[in-house]
Amino acid sequence: METGRASKTALGVAIRRAAHQLIDKPPVLDDPIAMRLVGEGHPRLMERAMHPVGRDFRGFMAARSRYTEDRLAEAVANGVTQYVVLGAGLDTFAYRNPFPALQVFEVDFPATQVWKRSMLERAAIALPSNLVFVALDFEHQTLADGLAEAGLDLHKPAFFGWLGVVPYLSLDAFRATMSVVAKMPAGSGVTFDYAVAPETLSPIGRIAFERLSERVAAAGEPFRLFFTPENLEAEIRGAGFDRIEQVGSDGLNELYFQNRADGLKLSPLGLGMLATAWV
């Protein structure tokens, strides 16, 4: 993403989360803020998000947020009181945070945060007292320095949510961020999604990937980084993390899409996976 403008893909993700609230019953991710934040100014995008063809993508958007927030809940139960949302986009967790003692830090490019705050103001969504915006220009400031200046205690464990970002990074940028998390105290962790190496996909999966890749490239945010589960684990072990969990479509279906009357579940195409690394 260009540092001088807001993210187009962030809006698409938010619209899919809002559509999930409207038509998938019960929602995998219960997000009463989503529709308020998006508003009614994007009817064509909302119609596309609610179309049966987009069902799988909509389900994955909901499931990845739910999975991340479930891992966060584990961390909070173990005493973590700091949550960092990296590349926050239009994420809504901070505005429905069920943990009064949890400080939330939303990290993003300055332009994206200006855009988001204008949307929050328009929707009359109050800013909670335990939320800190961290507008970070990575050309002039490191993540660790930006978080420290914003008030994150680097001597206490923290959990990081990092959704919808890794596929757009260079390998060096991915490693730099993972290094910051790996240096946090024991009990810290990070959940992120990643794009599966396209050469490992089935023929149908490869076609689906190419279509999605064309759309995000047209939005100015092309995919750049891919992993297999095996080389991702090697990366994370090499960064110094203690343990790693990975889950794909089958695992997410077992967790969140069992016995649904509407039949909603993730397809076996397997374009993306989720990983959690613990310090």
C-alpha atoms as a PDB file:
ATOM      1  CA  MET A   1       0.000   0.000   0.000  1.00  0.00           C
ATOM      2  CA  GLU A   2       1.180   3.535  -0.737  1.00  0.00           C
ATOM      3  CA  THR A   3       1.880   5.461   2.448  1.00  0.00           C
ATOM      4  CA  GLY A   4      -0.012   8.542   1.286  1.00  0.00           C
ATOM      5  CA  ARG A   5      -3.451   7.023   0.844  1.00  0.00           C
ATOM      6  CA  ALA A   6      -5.946   4.864   2.678  1.00  0.00           C
ATOM      7  CA  SER A   7      -6.250   1.161   1.941  1.00  0.00           C
ATOM      8  CA  LYS A   8      -8.848   0.057  -0.620  1.00  0.00           C
ATOM      9  CA  THR A   9      -8.655  -3.577   0.458  1.00  0.00           C
ATOM     10  CA  ALA A  10      -9.401  -2.559   4.076  1.00  0.00           C
ATOM     11  CA  LEU A  11     -12.779  -1.217   2.955  1.00  0.00           C
ATOM     12  CA  GLY A  12     -13.554  -4.428   1.084  1.00  0.00           C
ATOM     13  CA  VAL A  13     -12.765  -6.519   4.167  1.00  0.00           C
ATOM     14  CA  ALA A  14     -14.927  -4.315   6.399  1.00  0.00           C
ATOM     15  CA  ILE A  15     -17.845  -4.543   3.984  1.00  0.00           C
ATOM     16  CA  ARG A  16     -17.604  -8.335   4.004  1.00  0.00           C
ATOM     17  CA  ARG A  17     -17.641  -8.383   7.797  1.00  0.00           C
ATOM     18  CA  ALA A  18     -20.711  -6.154   7.742  1.00  0.00           C
ATOM     19  CA  ALA A  19     -22.408  -8.379   5.137  1.00  0.00           C
ATOM     20  CA  HIS A  20     -21.661 -11.382   7.356  1.00  0.00           C
ATOM     21  CA  GLN A  21     -23.681  -9.759  10.152  1.00  0.00           C
ATOM     22  CA  LEU A  22     -26.636  -9.245   7.835  1.00  0.00           C
ATOM     23  CA  ILE A  23     -27.028 -12.591   6.106  1.00  0.00           C
ATOM     24  CA  ASP A  24     -25.076 -15.353   7.906  1.00  0.00           C
ATOM     25  CA  LYS A  25     -27.089 -16.498  10.926  1.00  0.00           C
ATOM     26  CA  PRO A  26     -25.709 -16.940  13.488  1.00  0.00           C
ATOM     27  CA  PRO A  27     -22.577 -14.908  12.701  1.00  0.00           C
ATOM     28  CA  VAL A  28     -19.229 -16.552  13.315  1.00  0.00           C
ATOM     29  CA  LEU A  29     -17.946 -13.138  14.361  1.00  0.00           C
ATOM     30  CA  ASP A  30     -20.464 -11.147  16.381  1.00  0.00           C
ATOM     31  CA  ASP A  31     -19.629  -7.586  15.335  1.00  0.00           C
ATOM     32  CA  PRO A  32     -22.391  -5.034  15.951  1.00  0.00           C
ATOM     33  CA  ILE A  33     -20.008  -2.196  15.046  1.00  0.00           C
ATOM     34  CA  ALA A  34     -19.271  -3.342  11.481  1.00  0.00           C
ATOM     35  CA  MET A  35     -22.431  -2.117   9.769  1.00  0.00           C
ATOM     36  CA  ARG A  36     -22.382   1.205  11.619  1.00  0.00           C
ATOM     37  CA  LEU A  37     -18.779   1.840  10.572  1.00  0.00           C
ATOM     38  CA  VAL A  38     -19.275   0.949   6.917  1.00  0.00           C
ATOM     39  CA  GLY A  39     -22.589   2.798   6.639  1.00  0.00           C
ATOM     40  CA  GLU A  40     -24.852   2.702   3.609  1.00  0.00           C
ATOM     41  CA  GLY A  41     -22.636   4.502   1.128  1.00  0.00           C
ATOM     42  CA  HIS A  42     -21.323   1.418  -0.705  1.00  0.00           C
ATOM     43  CA  PRO A  43     -24.395  -0.407  -2.099  1.00  0.00           C
ATOM     44  CA  ARG A  44     -22.623  -2.046  -5.046  1.00  0.00           C
ATOM     45  CA  LEU A  45     -19.780  -3.370  -2.891  1.00  0.00           C
ATOM     46  CA  MET A  46     -22.252  -4.603  -0.281  1.00  0.00           C
ATOM     47  CA  GLU A  47     -24.310  -6.386  -2.941  1.00  0.00           C
ATOM     48  CA  ARG A  48     -21.160  -8.097  -4.197  1.00  0.00           C
ATOM     49  CA  ALA A  49     -20.160  -9.127  -0.662  1.00  0.00           C
ATOM     50  CA  MET A  50     -23.593 -10.691  -0.088  1.00  0.00           C
ATOM     51  CA  HIS A  51     -23.602 -12.618  -3.393  1.00  0.00           C
ATOM     52  CA  PRO A  52     -23.354 -16.439  -3.139  1.00  0.00           C
ATOM     53  CA  VAL A  53     -20.137 -16.358  -5.188  1.00  0.00           C
ATOM     54  CA  GLY A  54     -18.486 -14.288  -2.435  1.00  0.00           C
ATOM     55  CA  ARG A  55     -19.700 -16.503   0.379  1.00  0.00           C
ATOM     56  CA  ASP A  56     -16.425 -18.349   0.944  1.00  0.00           C
ATOM     57  CA  PHE A  57     -14.366 -15.159   1.086  1.00  0.00           C
ATOM     58  CA  ARG A  58     -16.887 -13.548   3.430  1.00  0.00           C
ATOM     59  CA  GLY A  59     -16.741 -16.590   5.698  1.00  0.00           C
ATOM     60  CA  PHE A  60     -12.948 -16.505   5.808  1.00  0.00           C
ATOM     61  CA  MET A  61     -12.907 -12.791   6.699  1.00  0.00           C
ATOM     62  CA  ALA A  62     -15.194 -13.497   9.653  1.00  0.00           C
ATOM     63  CA  ALA A  63     -13.373 -16.647  10.739  1.00  0.00           C
ATOM     64  CA  ARG A  64      -9.905 -15.125  10.718  1.00  0.00           C
ATOM     65  CA  SER A  65     -11.040 -12.277  13.000  1.00  0.00           C
ATOM     66  CA  ARG A  66     -12.859 -14.700  15.304  1.00  0.00           C
ATOM     67  CA  TYR A  67      -9.818 -16.972  15.475  1.00  0.00           C
ATOM     68  CA  THR A  68      -7.514 -14.057  16.272  1.00  0.00           C
ATOM     69  CA  GLU A  69      -9.823 -12.781  18.994  1.00  0.00           C
ATOM     70  CA  ASP A  70     -10.073 -16.273  20.486  1.00  0.00           C
ATOM     71  CA  ARG A  71      -6.272 -16.451  20.676  1.00  0.00           C
ATOM     72  CA  LEU A  72      -6.288 -12.981  22.252  1.00  0.00           C
ATOM     73  CA  ALA A  73      -8.757 -14.236  24.867  1.00  0.00           C
ATOM     74  CA  GLU A  74      -6.313 -17.035  25.702  1.00  0.00           C
ATOM     75  CA  ALA A  75      -3.541 -14.484  26.163  1.00  0.00           C
ATOM     76  CA  VAL A  76      -5.745 -12.262  28.365  1.00  0.00           C
ATOM     77  CA  ALA A  77      -6.672 -15.291  30.501  1.00  0.00           C
ATOM     78  CA  ASN A  78      -2.924 -15.753  31.045  1.00  0.00           C
ATOM     79  CA  GLY A  79      -2.436 -12.173  32.195  1.00  0.00           C
ATOM     80  CA  VAL A  80      -1.752 -10.202  28.999  1.00  0.00           C
ATOM     81  CA  THR A  81      -3.078  -6.636  29.220  1.00  0.00           C
ATOM     82  CA  GLN A  82      -1.761  -5.177  25.931  1.00  0.00           C
ATOM     83  CA  TYR A  83      -3.141  -5.846  22.450  1.00  0.00           C
ATOM     84  CA  VAL A  84      -1.548  -4.452  19.294  1.00  0.00           C
ATOM     85  CA  VAL A  85      -3.569  -4.460  16.064  1.00  0.00           C
ATOM     86  CA  LEU A  86      -1.005  -4.214  13.265  1.00  0.00           C
ATOM     87  CA  GLY A  87      -2.320  -2.782  10.013  1.00  0.00           C
ATOM     88  CA  ALA A  88      -5.602  -2.159  11.815  1.00  0.00           C
ATOM     89  CA  GLY A  89      -7.510  -0.868   8.796  1.00  0.00           C
ATOM     90  CA  LEU A  90     -11.208  -0.827   9.720  1.00  0.00           C
ATOM     91  CA  ASP A  91     -10.884  -3.443  12.467  1.00  0.00           C
ATOM     92  CA  THR A  92     -13.591  -2.990  15.103  1.00  0.00           C
ATOM     93  CA  PHE A  93     -12.298  -4.947  18.102  1.00  0.00           C
ATOM     94  CA  ALA A  94     -11.350  -1.858  20.130  1.00  0.00           C
ATOM     95  CA  TYR A  95     -14.953  -0.592  19.994  1.00  0.00           C
ATOM     96  CA  ARG A  96     -16.451  -3.831  21.332  1.00  0.00           C
ATOM     97  CA  ASN A  97     -13.561  -4.888  23.583  1.00  0.00           C
ATOM     98  CA  PRO A  98     -14.949  -7.108  26.385  1.00  0.00           C
ATOM     99  CA  PHE A  99     -11.796  -6.824  28.532  1.00  0.00           C
ATOM    100  CA  PRO A 100     -11.809  -3.604  30.619  1.00  0.00           C
ATOM    101  CA  ALA A 101      -8.142  -3.958  31.600  1.00  0.00           C
ATOM    102  CA  LEU A 102      -6.913  -4.537  28.043  1.00  0.00           C
ATOM    103  CA  GLN A 103      -5.132  -1.601  26.394  1.00  0.00           C
ATOM    104  CA  VAL A 104      -5.516  -1.639  22.605  1.00  0.00           C
ATOM    105  CA  PHE A 105      -3.001  -0.079  20.209  1.00  0.00           C
ATOM    106  CA  GLU A 106      -4.115   0.353  16.593  1.00  0.00           C
ATOM    107  CA  VAL A 107      -1.093   0.651  14.299  1.00  0.00           C
ATOM    108  CA  ASP A 108      -1.444   1.813  10.702  1.00  0.00           C
ATOM    109  CA  PHE A 109      -0.275   4.291   8.097  1.00  0.00           C
ATOM    110  CA  PRO A 110      -1.225   7.901   8.959  1.00  0.00           C
ATOM    111  CA  ALA A 111      -3.524   8.262   5.916  1.00  0.00           C
ATOM    112  CA  THR A 112      -5.450   5.115   6.787  1.00  0.00           C
ATOM    113  CA  GLN A 113      -5.948   6.256  10.371  1.00  0.00           C
ATOM    114  CA  VAL A 114      -7.206   9.689   9.296  1.00  0.00           C
ATOM    115  CA  TRP A 115      -9.706   7.949   7.007  1.00  0.00           C
ATOM    116  CA  LYS A 116     -10.821   5.525   9.722  1.00  0.00           C
ATOM    117  CA  ARG A 117     -11.231   8.248  12.347  1.00  0.00           C
ATOM    118  CA  SER A 118     -13.400  10.250   9.959  1.00  0.00           C
ATOM    119  CA  MET A 119     -15.589   7.172   9.465  1.00  0.00           C
ATOM    120  CA  LEU A 120     -15.821   6.608  13.226  1.00  0.00           C
ATOM    121  CA  GLU A 121     -16.832  10.228  13.747  1.00  0.00           C
ATOM    122  CA  ARG A 122     -19.441  10.080  10.980  1.00  0.00           C
ATOM    123  CA  ALA A 123     -20.944   6.936  12.520  1.00  0.00           C
ATOM    124  CA  ALA A 124     -20.898   8.489  16.036  1.00  0.00           C
ATOM    125  CA  ILE A 125     -18.795   5.586  17.340  1.00  0.00           C
ATOM    126  CA  ALA A 126     -17.138   6.685  20.579  1.00  0.00           C
ATOM    127  CA  LEU A 127     -13.407   6.201  21.059  1.00  0.00           C
ATOM    128  CA  PRO A 128     -12.806   4.052  24.157  1.00  0.00           C
ATOM    129  CA  SER A 129     -10.418   5.336  26.800  1.00  0.00           C
ATOM    130  CA  ASN A 130      -8.253   2.206  26.526  1.00  0.00           C
ATOM    131  CA  LEU A 131      -7.521   2.737  22.808  1.00  0.00           C
ATOM    132  CA  VAL A 132      -4.361   4.340  21.448  1.00  0.00           C
ATOM    133  CA  PHE A 133      -3.884   5.171  17.758  1.00  0.00           C
ATOM    134  CA  VAL A 134      -0.309   4.661  16.552  1.00  0.00           C
ATOM    135  CA  ALA A 135       0.155   6.406  13.205  1.00  0.00           C
ATOM    136  CA  LEU A 136       3.393   4.940  11.919  1.00  0.00           C
ATOM    137  CA  ASP A 137       5.368   5.943   8.855  1.00  0.00           C
ATOM    138  CA  PHE A 138       7.759   3.018   8.471  1.00  0.00           C
ATOM    139  CA  GLU A 139      10.118   5.109   6.347  1.00  0.00           C
ATOM    140  CA  HIS A 140      10.974   7.260   9.357  1.00  0.00           C
ATOM    141  CA  GLN A 141      10.244   5.166  12.447  1.00  0.00           C
ATOM    142  CA  THR A 142      10.569   1.553  13.543  1.00  0.00           C
ATOM    143  CA  LEU A 143       7.638  -0.428  14.902  1.00  0.00           C
ATOM    144  CA  ALA A 144       9.318  -0.914  18.294  1.00  0.00           C
ATOM    145  CA  ASP A 145      10.060   2.808  18.662  1.00  0.00           C
ATOM    146  CA  GLY A 146       6.563   3.779  17.573  1.00  0.00           C
ATOM    147  CA  LEU A 147       4.929   1.411  20.043  1.00  0.00           C
ATOM    148  CA  ALA A 148       7.198   2.519  22.890  1.00  0.00           C
ATOM    149  CA  GLU A 149       6.406   6.191  22.203  1.00  0.00           C
ATOM    150  CA  ALA A 150       2.703   5.361  22.164  1.00  0.00           C
ATOM    151  CA  GLY A 151       2.934   3.820  25.624  1.00  0.00           C
ATOM    152  CA  LEU A 152       3.284   0.086  25.010  1.00  0.00           C
ATOM    153  CA  ASP A 153       5.301  -1.433  27.842  1.00  0.00           C
ATOM    154  CA  LEU A 154       7.975  -3.473  26.077  1.00  0.00           C
ATOM    155  CA  HIS A 155       8.810  -5.181  29.370  1.00  0.00           C
ATOM    156  CA  LYS A 156       5.362  -6.752  29.690  1.00  0.00           C
ATOM    157  CA  PRO A 157       3.844  -9.393  27.400  1.00  0.00           C
ATOM    158  CA  ALA A 158       1.552  -8.284  24.604  1.00  0.00           C
ATOM    159  CA  PHE A 159      -0.560  -9.993  21.986  1.00  0.00           C
ATOM    160  CA  PHE A 160      -0.496  -8.886  18.342  1.00  0.00           C
ATOM    161  CA  GLY A 161      -3.204  -9.280  15.710  1.00  0.00           C
ATOM    162  CA  TRP A 162      -1.876  -8.920  12.155  1.00  0.00           C
ATOM    163  CA  LEU A 163      -4.593  -9.649   9.614  1.00  0.00           C
ATOM    164  CA  GLY A 164      -4.673  -8.869   5.928  1.00  0.00           C
ATOM    165  CA  VAL A 165      -1.103  -7.559   5.852  1.00  0.00           C
ATOM    166  CA  VAL A 166       1.513 -10.293   5.437  1.00  0.00           C
ATOM    167  CA  PRO A 167       0.701 -11.191   1.786  1.00  0.00           C
ATOM    168  CA  TYR A 168       1.476  -7.597   0.753  1.00  0.00           C
ATOM    169  CA  LEU A 169       4.896  -7.412   2.430  1.00  0.00           C
ATOM    170  CA  SER A 170       8.440  -8.145   1.391  1.00  0.00           C
ATOM    171  CA  LEU A 171      10.140 -11.009   3.210  1.00  0.00           C
ATOM    172  CA  ASP A 172      12.451  -8.521   4.940  1.00  0.00           C
ATOM    173  CA  ALA A 173       9.492  -6.510   6.237  1.00  0.00           C
ATOM    174  CA  PHE A 174       7.811  -9.673   7.525  1.00  0.00           C
ATOM    175  CA  ARG A 175      10.964 -10.715   9.330  1.00  0.00           C
ATOM    176  CA  ALA A 176      11.450  -7.274  10.857  1.00  0.00           C
ATOM    177  CA  THR A 177       7.982  -7.296  12.422  1.00  0.00           C
ATOM    178  CA  MET A 178       8.283 -10.870  13.656  1.00  0.00           C
ATOM    179  CA  SER A 179      11.596  -9.935  15.244  1.00  0.00           C
ATOM    180  CA  VAL A 180       9.890  -7.190  17.259  1.00  0.00           C
ATOM    181  CA  VAL A 181       7.274  -9.614  18.588  1.00  0.00           C
ATOM    182  CA  ALA A 182       9.852 -12.332  19.289  1.00  0.00           C
ATOM    183  CA  LYS A 183      11.754  -9.923  21.550  1.00  0.00           C
ATOM    184  CA  MET A 184       8.705  -9.312  23.740  1.00  0.00           C
ATOM    185  CA  PRO A 185       8.510 -11.075  27.134  1.00  0.00           C
ATOM    186  CA  ALA A 186       7.338 -14.678  27.472  1.00  0.00           C
ATOM    187  CA  GLY A 187       3.585 -15.010  27.077  1.00  0.00           C
ATOM    188  CA  SER A 188       3.495 -12.682  24.085  1.00  0.00           C
ATOM    189  CA  GLY A 189       2.133 -13.888  20.771  1.00  0.00           C
ATOM    190  CA  VAL A 190       0.944 -12.927  17.311  1.00  0.00           C
ATOM    191  CA  THR A 191      -1.784 -14.258  15.032  1.00  0.00           C
ATOM    192  CA  PHE A 192      -1.599 -13.497  11.316  1.00  0.00           C
ATOM    193  CA  ASP A 193      -2.909 -14.816   8.025  1.00  0.00           C
ATOM    194  CA  TYR A 194      -0.729 -15.674   5.065  1.00  0.00           C
ATOM    195  CA  ALA A 195      -1.130 -16.582   1.412  1.00  0.00           C
ATOM    196  CA  VAL A 196      -0.276 -20.144   0.477  1.00  0.00           C
ATOM    197  CA  ALA A 197       2.366 -20.510  -2.243  1.00  0.00           C
ATOM    198  CA  PRO A 198       0.302 -20.644  -5.466  1.00  0.00           C
ATOM    199  CA  GLU A 199       2.374 -23.446  -6.991  1.00  0.00           C
ATOM    200  CA  THR A 200       1.099 -25.778  -4.236  1.00  0.00           C
ATOM    201  CA  LEU A 201      -2.597 -25.117  -4.981  1.00  0.00           C
ATOM    202  CA  SER A 202      -4.930 -27.375  -6.935  1.00  0.00           C
ATOM    203  CA  PRO A 203      -5.787 -26.308 -10.510  1.00  0.00           C
ATOM    204  CA  ILE A 204      -9.109 -24.849  -9.322  1.00  0.00           C
ATOM    205  CA  GLY A 205      -7.354 -23.168  -6.402  1.00  0.00           C
ATOM    206  CA  ARG A 206      -4.808 -21.651  -8.770  1.00  0.00           C
ATOM    207  CA  ILE A 207      -7.586 -20.142 -10.897  1.00  0.00           C
ATOM    208  CA  ALA A 208      -9.255 -18.693  -7.792  1.00  0.00           C
ATOM    209  CA  PHE A 209      -5.925 -17.301  -6.624  1.00  0.00           C
ATOM    210  CA  GLU A 210      -5.226 -15.645  -9.974  1.00  0.00           C
ATOM    211  CA  ARG A 211      -8.618 -13.936  -9.964  1.00  0.00           C
ATOM    212  CA  LEU A 212      -8.140 -12.652  -6.426  1.00  0.00           C
ATOM    213  CA  SER A 213      -4.585 -11.582  -7.206  1.00  0.00           C
ATOM    214  CA  GLU A 214      -5.797  -9.560 -10.194  1.00  0.00           C
ATOM    215  CA  ARG A 215      -8.377  -7.749  -8.045  1.00  0.00           C
ATOM    216  CA  VAL A 216      -5.961  -6.706  -5.297  1.00  0.00           C
ATOM    217  CA  ALA A 217      -3.324  -5.678  -7.846  1.00  0.00           C
ATOM    218  CA  ALA A 218      -5.927  -3.494  -9.575  1.00  0.00           C
ATOM    219  CA  ALA A 219      -6.529  -1.832  -6.193  1.00  0.00           C
ATOM    220  CA  GLY A 220      -2.819  -0.990  -6.035  1.00  0.00           C
ATOM    221  CA  GLU A 221      -2.011  -3.576  -3.362  1.00  0.00           C
ATOM    222  CA  PRO A 222      -0.510  -6.641  -5.114  1.00  0.00           C
ATOM    223  CA  PHE A 223       0.354  -9.884  -3.353  1.00  0.00           C
ATOM    224  CA  ARG A 224       4.086 -10.214  -2.789  1.00  0.00           C
ATOM    225  CA  LEU A 225       4.763 -12.842  -0.146  1.00  0.00           C
ATOM    226  CA  PHE A 226       3.780 -16.524  -0.033  1.00  0.00           C
ATOM    227  CA  PHE A 227       4.607 -19.447   2.229  1.00  0.00           C
ATOM    228  CA  THR A 228       4.052 -23.147   2.554  1.00  0.00           C
ATOM    229  CA  PRO A 229       3.195 -24.313   6.085  1.00  0.00           C
ATOM    230  CA  GLU A 230       6.630 -25.932   6.282  1.00  0.00           C
ATOM    231  CA  ASN A 231       8.708 -22.911   5.307  1.00  0.00           C
ATOM    232  CA  LEU A 232       6.576 -20.621   7.451  1.00  0.00           C
ATOM    233  CA  GLU A 233       7.266 -22.798  10.472  1.00  0.00           C
ATOM    234  CA  ALA A 234      10.985 -22.664   9.682  1.00  0.00           C
ATOM    235  CA  GLU A 235      10.809 -18.856   9.501  1.00  0.00           C
ATOM    236  CA  ILE A 236       9.060 -18.604  12.849  1.00  0.00           C
ATOM    237  CA  ARG A 237      11.351 -21.071  14.584  1.00  0.00           C
ATOM    238  CA  GLY A 238      14.312 -19.152  13.196  1.00  0.00           C
ATOM    239  CA  ALA A 239      12.912 -15.913  14.608  1.00  0.00           C
ATOM    240  CA  GLY A 240      13.057 -17.399  18.096  1.00  0.00           C
ATOM    241  CA  PHE A 241       9.425 -18.184  18.897  1.00  0.00           C
ATOM    242  CA  ASP A 242       8.701 -20.999  21.329  1.00  0.00           C
ATOM    243  CA  ARG A 243       5.724 -22.603  19.588  1.00  0.00           C
ATOM    244  CA  ILE A 244       3.531 -22.212  16.532  1.00  0.00           C
ATOM    245  CA  GLU A 245      -0.010 -23.201  15.626  1.00  0.00           C
ATOM    246  CA  GLN A 246      -1.353 -23.228  12.068  1.00  0.00           C
ATOM    247  CA  VAL A 247      -4.909 -23.718  10.859  1.00  0.00           C
ATOM    248  CA  GLY A 248      -6.446 -23.857   7.391  1.00  0.00           C
ATOM    249  CA  SER A 249      -9.939 -24.168   5.993  1.00  0.00           C
ATOM    250  CA  ASP A 250     -10.582 -27.638   7.408  1.00  0.00           C
ATOM    251  CA  GLY A 251      -9.570 -26.590  10.901  1.00  0.00           C
ATOM    252  CA  LEU A 252     -11.607 -23.396  10.767  1.00  0.00           C
ATOM    253  CA  ASN A 253     -14.626 -25.372   9.583  1.00  0.00           C
ATOM    254  CA  GLU A 254     -14.287 -27.667  12.598  1.00  0.00           C
ATOM    255  CA  LEU A 255     -14.020 -24.709  14.944  1.00  0.00           C
ATOM    256  CA  TYR A 256     -16.679 -22.366  13.603  1.00  0.00           C
ATOM    257  CA  PHE A 257     -18.853 -23.865  10.867  1.00  0.00           C
ATOM    258  CA  GLN A 258     -20.176 -27.110  12.302  1.00  0.00           C
ATOM    259  CA  ASN A 259     -23.897 -27.986  12.032  1.00  0.00           C
ATOM    260  CA  ARG A 260     -24.999 -24.661  10.568  1.00  0.00           C
ATOM    261  CA  ALA A 261     -28.536 -24.568   9.204  1.00  0.00           C
ATOM    262  CA  ASP A 262     -27.401 -22.236   6.409  1.00  0.00           C
ATOM    263  CA  GLY A 263     -24.594 -24.574   5.344  1.00  0.00           C
ATOM    264  CA  LEU A 264     -21.963 -21.837   5.521  1.00  0.00           C
ATOM    265  CA  LYS A 265     -18.439 -23.234   5.545  1.00  0.00           C
ATOM    266  CA  LEU A 266     -15.075 -22.596   3.940  1.00  0.00           C
ATOM    267  CA  SER A 267     -14.216 -24.262   0.648  1.00  0.00           C
ATOM    268  CA  PRO A 268     -11.217 -26.616   0.378  1.00  0.00           C
ATOM    269  CA  LEU A 269      -9.406 -24.276  -2.048  1.00  0.00           C
ATOM    270  CA  GLY A 270      -6.989 -23.316   0.739  1.00  0.00           C
ATOM    271  CA  LEU A 271      -5.746 -19.971  -0.575  1.00  0.00           C
ATOM    272  CA  GLY A 272      -4.880 -18.699   2.891  1.00  0.00           C
ATOM    273  CA  MET A 273      -4.016 -19.986   6.346  1.00  0.00           C
ATOM    274  CA  LEU A 274      -3.746 -18.603   9.860  1.00  0.00           C
ATOM    275  CA  ALA A 275      -0.752 -18.927  12.143  1.00  0.00           C
ATOM    276  CA  THR A 276      -0.146 -18.076  15.783  1.00  0.00           C
ATOM    277  CA  ALA A 277       3.383 -17.808  17.152  1.00  0.00           C
ATOM    278  CA  TRP A 278       3.987 -17.676  20.897  1.00  0.00           C
ATOM    279  CA  VAL A 279       7.065 -16.363  22.689  1.00  0.00           C
END
